[in-house]
Amino acid sequence: MKANVGGFDRILRALVGLTLLGAGLYFKSWWGLVGLGPLFTAVFRFCPAYLPLGLNTGSKKE
């Protein structure tokens, strides 16, 4: 897996994921687990949805 999620994108995904998890806990709903998707993509710096779209928000240097 090649990293394809950059800095700002990573921070935004982490915030959205944590917000969704927090909302799920607050409202006592299983729908909060949807927040795990953005959170995992932020942690592992890889988004599988970017592959078919050809997107890469990460740095170009390796």
PDB file of N, CA and C in Angstrom:
ATOM      1  N   MET A   1       0.841  -1.182   0.000  1.00  0.00           N
ATOM      2  CA  MET A   1       0.000   0.000   0.000  1.00  0.00           C
ATOM      3  C   MET A   1       0.878   1.234   0.000  1.00  0.00           C
ATOM      4  N   LYS A   2       0.742   2.015  -1.007  1.00  0.00           N
ATOM      5  CA  LYS A   2       1.479   3.248  -1.142  1.00  0.00           C
ATOM      6  C   LYS A   2       0.650   4.385  -0.556  1.00  0.00           C
ATOM      7  N   ALA A   3       1.244   5.208   0.278  1.00  0.00           N
ATOM      8  CA  ALA A   3       0.519   6.307   0.920  1.00  0.00           C
ATOM      9  C   ALA A   3      -0.014   7.266  -0.140  1.00  0.00           C
ATOM     10  N   ASN A   4      -1.307   7.588  -0.057  1.00  0.00           N
ATOM     11  CA  ASN A   4      -1.900   8.520  -1.010  1.00  0.00           C
ATOM     12  C   ASN A   4      -2.757   9.581  -0.317  1.00  0.00           C
ATOM     13  N   VAL A   5      -2.597   9.735   1.002  1.00  0.00           N
ATOM     14  CA  VAL A   5      -3.336  10.743   1.755  1.00  0.00           C
ATOM     15  C   VAL A   5      -2.333  11.706   2.359  1.00  0.00           C
ATOM     16  N   GLY A   6      -2.486  12.984   2.050  1.00  0.00           N
ATOM     17  CA  GLY A   6      -1.557  14.008   2.501  1.00  0.00           C
ATOM     18  C   GLY A   6      -1.897  14.583   3.864  1.00  0.00           C
ATOM     19  N   GLY A   7      -1.151  15.612   4.256  1.00  0.00           N
ATOM     20  CA  GLY A   7      -1.249  16.205   5.580  1.00  0.00           C
ATOM     21  C   GLY A   7      -2.603  16.788   5.930  1.00  0.00           C
ATOM     22  N   PHE A   8      -3.079  17.756   5.139  1.00  0.00           N
ATOM     23  CA  PHE A   8      -4.358  18.398   5.437  1.00  0.00           C
ATOM     24  C   PHE A   8      -5.499  17.391   5.326  1.00  0.00           C
ATOM     25  N   ASP A   9      -5.447  16.569   4.311  1.00  0.00           N
ATOM     26  CA  ASP A   9      -6.461  15.535   4.104  1.00  0.00           C
ATOM     27  C   ASP A   9      -6.485  14.577   5.290  1.00  0.00           C
ATOM     28  N   ARG A  10      -5.325  14.248   5.786  1.00  0.00           N
ATOM     29  CA  ARG A  10      -5.204  13.323   6.916  1.00  0.00           C
ATOM     30  C   ARG A  10      -5.812  13.913   8.188  1.00  0.00           C
ATOM     31  N   ILE A  11      -5.529  15.179   8.453  1.00  0.00           N
ATOM     32  CA  ILE A  11      -6.073  15.853   9.633  1.00  0.00           C
ATOM     33  C   ILE A  11      -7.589  15.954   9.534  1.00  0.00           C
ATOM     34  N   LEU A  12      -8.082  16.310   8.358  1.00  0.00           N
ATOM     35  CA  LEU A  12      -9.517  16.434   8.149  1.00  0.00           C
ATOM     36  C   LEU A  12     -10.222  15.092   8.345  1.00  0.00           C
ATOM     37  N   ARG A  13      -9.641  14.033   7.819  1.00  0.00           N
ATOM     38  CA  ARG A  13     -10.226  12.697   7.981  1.00  0.00           C
ATOM     39  C   ARG A  13     -10.249  12.282   9.449  1.00  0.00           C
ATOM     40  N   ALA A  14      -9.183  12.570  10.181  1.00  0.00           N
ATOM     41  CA  ALA A  14      -9.129  12.213  11.599  1.00  0.00           C
ATOM     42  C   ALA A  14     -10.194  12.968  12.384  1.00  0.00           C
ATOM     43  N   LEU A  15     -10.353  14.258  12.096  1.00  0.00           N
ATOM     44  CA  LEU A  15     -11.362  15.048  12.795  1.00  0.00           C
ATOM     45  C   LEU A  15     -12.776  14.561  12.489  1.00  0.00           C
ATOM     46  N   VAL A  16     -13.039  14.271  11.224  1.00  0.00           N
ATOM     47  CA  VAL A  16     -14.360  13.771  10.839  1.00  0.00           C
ATOM     48  C   VAL A  16     -14.623  12.416  11.493  1.00  0.00           C
ATOM     49  N   GLY A  17     -13.635  11.541  11.480  1.00  0.00           N
ATOM     50  CA  GLY A  17     -13.793  10.224  12.091  1.00  0.00           C
ATOM     51  C   GLY A  17     -14.065  10.306  13.581  1.00  0.00           C
ATOM     52  N   LEU A  18     -13.298  11.139  14.283  1.00  0.00           N
ATOM     53  CA  LEU A  18     -13.506  11.283  15.715  1.00  0.00           C
ATOM     54  C   LEU A  18     -14.847  11.928  16.028  1.00  0.00           C
ATOM     55  N   THR A  19     -15.264  12.881  15.203  1.00  0.00           N
ATOM     56  CA  THR A  19     -16.564  13.531  15.391  1.00  0.00           C
ATOM     57  C   THR A  19     -17.697  12.526  15.223  1.00  0.00           C
ATOM     58  N   LEU A  20     -17.619  11.688  14.188  1.00  0.00           N
ATOM     59  CA  LEU A  20     -18.653  10.684  13.968  1.00  0.00           C
ATOM     60  C   LEU A  20     -18.686   9.657  15.099  1.00  0.00           C
ATOM     61  N   LEU A  21     -17.519   9.235  15.567  1.00  0.00           N
ATOM     62  CA  LEU A  21     -17.477   8.299  16.689  1.00  0.00           C
ATOM     63  C   LEU A  21     -18.070   8.930  17.949  1.00  0.00           C
ATOM     64  N   GLY A  22     -17.728  10.195  18.195  1.00  0.00           N
ATOM     65  CA  GLY A  22     -18.260  10.905  19.357  1.00  0.00           C
ATOM     66  C   GLY A  22     -19.771  11.074  19.269  1.00  0.00           C
ATOM     67  N   ALA A  23     -20.276  11.393  18.082  1.00  0.00           N
ATOM     68  CA  ALA A  23     -21.718  11.536  17.894  1.00  0.00           C
ATOM     69  C   ALA A  23     -22.416  10.199  18.111  1.00  0.00           C
ATOM     70  N   GLY A  24     -21.801   9.128  17.665  1.00  0.00           N
ATOM     71  CA  GLY A  24     -22.374   7.803  17.884  1.00  0.00           C
ATOM     72  C   GLY A  24     -22.455   7.457  19.358  1.00  0.00           C
ATOM     73  N   LEU A  25     -21.424   7.815  20.106  1.00  0.00           N
ATOM     74  CA  LEU A  25     -21.453   7.577  21.548  1.00  0.00           C
ATOM     75  C   LEU A  25     -22.491   8.454  22.241  1.00  0.00           C
ATOM     76  N   TYR A  26     -22.547   9.708  21.830  1.00  0.00           N
ATOM     77  CA  TYR A  26     -23.480  10.657  22.450  1.00  0.00           C
ATOM     78  C   TYR A  26     -24.928  10.234  22.221  1.00  0.00           C
ATOM     79  N   PHE A  27     -25.246   9.857  21.000  1.00  0.00           N
ATOM     80  CA  PHE A  27     -26.620   9.474  20.664  1.00  0.00           C
ATOM     81  C   PHE A  27     -26.883   7.977  20.867  1.00  0.00           C
ATOM     82  N   LYS A  28     -25.875   7.257  21.376  1.00  0.00           N
ATOM     83  CA  LYS A  28     -25.991   5.812  21.623  1.00  0.00           C
ATOM     84  C   LYS A  28     -26.477   5.078  20.371  1.00  0.00           C
ATOM     85  N   SER A  29     -25.755   5.325  19.280  1.00  0.00           N
ATOM     86  CA  SER A  29     -26.114   4.746  17.996  1.00  0.00           C
ATOM     87  C   SER A  29     -24.919   4.011  17.401  1.00  0.00           C
ATOM     88  N   TRP A  30     -25.209   2.888  16.762  1.00  0.00           N
ATOM     89  CA  TRP A  30     -24.162   2.129  16.082  1.00  0.00           C
ATOM     90  C   TRP A  30     -23.666   2.848  14.843  1.00  0.00           C
ATOM     91  N   TRP A  31     -24.402   3.825  14.356  1.00  0.00           N
ATOM     92  CA  TRP A  31     -23.989   4.563  13.165  1.00  0.00           C
ATOM     93  C   TRP A  31     -22.696   5.337  13.397  1.00  0.00           C
ATOM     94  N   GLY A  32     -22.320   5.540  14.627  1.00  0.00           N
ATOM     95  CA  GLY A  32     -21.059   6.210  14.927  1.00  0.00           C
ATOM     96  C   GLY A  32     -19.850   5.418  14.459  1.00  0.00           C
ATOM     97  N   LEU A  33     -20.035   4.120  14.263  1.00  0.00           N
ATOM     98  CA  LEU A  33     -18.921   3.295  13.791  1.00  0.00           C
ATOM     99  C   LEU A  33     -18.517   3.630  12.362  1.00  0.00           C
ATOM    100  N   VAL A  34     -19.347   4.377  11.662  1.00  0.00           N
ATOM    101  CA  VAL A  34     -18.983   4.842  10.320  1.00  0.00           C
ATOM    102  C   VAL A  34     -17.722   5.707  10.408  1.00  0.00           C
ATOM    103  N   GLY A  35     -17.495   6.316  11.546  1.00  0.00           N
ATOM    104  CA  GLY A  35     -16.311   7.145  11.754  1.00  0.00           C
ATOM    105  C   GLY A  35     -15.009   6.373  11.728  1.00  0.00           C
ATOM    106  N   LEU A  36     -15.079   5.059  11.839  1.00  0.00           N
ATOM    107  CA  LEU A  36     -13.845   4.261  11.786  1.00  0.00           C
ATOM    108  C   LEU A  36     -13.207   4.297  10.399  1.00  0.00           C
ATOM    109  N   GLY A  37     -14.016   4.433   9.359  1.00  0.00           N
ATOM    110  CA  GLY A  37     -13.479   4.495   7.992  1.00  0.00           C
ATOM    111  C   GLY A  37     -12.524   5.660   7.794  1.00  0.00           C
ATOM    112  N   PRO A  38     -12.995   6.895   8.014  1.00  0.00           N
ATOM    113  CA  PRO A  38     -12.082   8.032   7.865  1.00  0.00           C
ATOM    114  C   PRO A  38     -10.907   7.987   8.843  1.00  0.00           C
ATOM    115  N   LEU A  39     -11.160   7.464  10.041  1.00  0.00           N
ATOM    116  CA  LEU A  39     -10.091   7.397  11.028  1.00  0.00           C
ATOM    117  C   LEU A  39      -8.993   6.429  10.591  1.00  0.00           C
ATOM    118  N   PHE A  40      -9.370   5.252  10.078  1.00  0.00           N
ATOM    119  CA  PHE A  40      -8.369   4.297   9.601  1.00  0.00           C
ATOM    120  C   PHE A  40      -7.602   4.830   8.391  1.00  0.00           C
ATOM    121  N   THR A  41      -8.297   5.525   7.476  1.00  0.00           N
ATOM    122  CA  THR A  41      -7.585   6.067   6.318  1.00  0.00           C
ATOM    123  C   THR A  41      -6.614   7.167   6.734  1.00  0.00           C
ATOM    124  N   ALA A  42      -6.927   7.874   7.810  1.00  0.00           N
ATOM    125  CA  ALA A  42      -5.997   8.897   8.313  1.00  0.00           C
ATOM    126  C   ALA A  42      -4.783   8.255   8.970  1.00  0.00           C
ATOM    127  N   VAL A  43      -5.004   7.207   9.732  1.00  0.00           N
ATOM    128  CA  VAL A  43      -3.904   6.543  10.442  1.00  0.00           C
ATOM    129  C   VAL A  43      -2.959   5.842   9.473  1.00  0.00           C
ATOM    130  N   PHE A  44      -3.514   5.120   8.499  1.00  0.00           N
ATOM    131  CA  PHE A  44      -2.687   4.342   7.581  1.00  0.00           C
ATOM    132  C   PHE A  44      -2.268   5.119   6.335  1.00  0.00           C
ATOM    133  N   ARG A  45      -2.763   6.358   6.174  1.00  0.00           N
ATOM    134  CA  ARG A  45      -2.415   7.249   5.062  1.00  0.00           C
ATOM    135  C   ARG A  45      -2.693   6.613   3.702  1.00  0.00           C
ATOM    136  N   PHE A  46      -3.726   5.786   3.650  1.00  0.00           N
ATOM    137  CA  PHE A  46      -4.084   5.119   2.402  1.00  0.00           C
ATOM    138  C   PHE A  46      -5.598   5.109   2.267  1.00  0.00           C
ATOM    139  N   CYS A  47      -6.088   5.578   1.123  1.00  0.00           N
ATOM    140  CA  CYS A  47      -7.516   5.583   0.848  1.00  0.00           C
ATOM    141  C   CYS A  47      -7.771   4.734  -0.395  1.00  0.00           C
ATOM    142  N   PRO A  48      -8.463   3.598  -0.248  1.00  0.00           N
ATOM    143  CA  PRO A  48      -8.713   2.743  -1.394  1.00  0.00           C
ATOM    144  C   PRO A  48      -9.599   3.395  -2.456  1.00  0.00           C
ATOM    145  N   ALA A  49     -10.430   4.344  -2.073  1.00  0.00           N
ATOM    146  CA  ALA A  49     -11.299   5.026  -3.045  1.00  0.00           C
ATOM    147  C   ALA A  49     -10.491   5.927  -3.979  1.00  0.00           C
ATOM    148  N   TYR A  50      -9.292   6.336  -3.568  1.00  0.00           N
ATOM    149  CA  TYR A  50      -8.457   7.194  -4.405  1.00  0.00           C
ATOM    150  C   TYR A  50      -7.846   6.430  -5.578  1.00  0.00           C
ATOM    151  N   LEU A  51      -7.667   5.120  -5.458  1.00  0.00           N
ATOM    152  CA  LEU A  51      -7.017   4.336  -6.510  1.00  0.00           C
ATOM    153  C   LEU A  51      -7.735   4.405  -7.853  1.00  0.00           C
ATOM    154  N   PRO A  52      -9.037   4.060  -7.939  1.00  0.00           N
ATOM    155  CA  PRO A  52      -9.685   4.114  -9.255  1.00  0.00           C
ATOM    156  C   PRO A  52      -9.840   5.540  -9.780  1.00  0.00           C
ATOM    157  N   LEU A  53      -9.841   6.518  -8.871  1.00  0.00           N
ATOM    158  CA  LEU A  53      -9.975   7.911  -9.290  1.00  0.00           C
ATOM    159  C   LEU A  53      -8.637   8.534  -9.674  1.00  0.00           C
ATOM    160  N   GLY A  54      -7.552   7.873  -9.316  1.00  0.00           N
ATOM    161  CA  GLY A  54      -6.225   8.379  -9.645  1.00  0.00           C
ATOM    162  C   GLY A  54      -5.813   9.575  -8.808  1.00  0.00           C
ATOM    163  N   LEU A  55      -6.390   9.728  -7.635  1.00  0.00           N
ATOM    164  CA  LEU A  55      -6.078  10.865  -6.771  1.00  0.00           C
ATOM    165  C   LEU A  55      -4.931  10.536  -5.826  1.00  0.00           C
ATOM    166  N   ASN A  56      -4.182  11.573  -5.460  1.00  0.00           N
ATOM    167  CA  ASN A  56      -3.098  11.441  -4.523  1.00  0.00           C
ATOM    168  C   ASN A  56      -2.879  12.809  -3.878  1.00  0.00           C
ATOM    169  N   THR A  57      -3.212  12.930  -2.587  1.00  0.00           N
ATOM    170  CA  THR A  57      -3.018  14.205  -1.896  1.00  0.00           C
ATOM    171  C   THR A  57      -1.727  14.200  -1.099  1.00  0.00           C
ATOM    172  N   GLY A  58      -0.981  13.101  -1.146  1.00  0.00           N
ATOM    173  CA  GLY A  58       0.290  13.002  -0.442  1.00  0.00           C
ATOM    174  C   GLY A  58       1.391  13.722  -1.182  1.00  0.00           C
ATOM    175  N   SER A  59       2.562  13.770  -0.567  1.00  0.00           N
ATOM    176  CA  SER A  59       3.693  14.435  -1.214  1.00  0.00           C
ATOM    177  C   SER A  59       4.194  13.604  -2.384  1.00  0.00           C
ATOM    178  N   LYS A  60       4.742  14.252  -3.352  1.00  0.00           N
ATOM    179  CA  LYS A  60       5.216  13.572  -4.557  1.00  0.00           C
ATOM    180  C   LYS A  60       6.586  12.949  -4.380  1.00  0.00           C
ATOM    181  N   LYS A  61       7.386  13.447  -3.420  1.00  0.00           N
ATOM    182  CA  LYS A  61       8.725  12.895  -3.234  1.00  0.00           C
ATOM    183  C   LYS A  61       8.672  11.635  -2.376  1.00  0.00           C
ATOM    184  N   GLU A  62       9.516  10.693  -2.696  1.00  0.00           N
ATOM    185  CA  GLU A  62       9.547   9.417  -1.966  1.00  0.00           C
ATOM    186  C   GLU A  62      10.946   9.126  -1.516  1.00  0.00           C
TER     187      GLU A  62
END
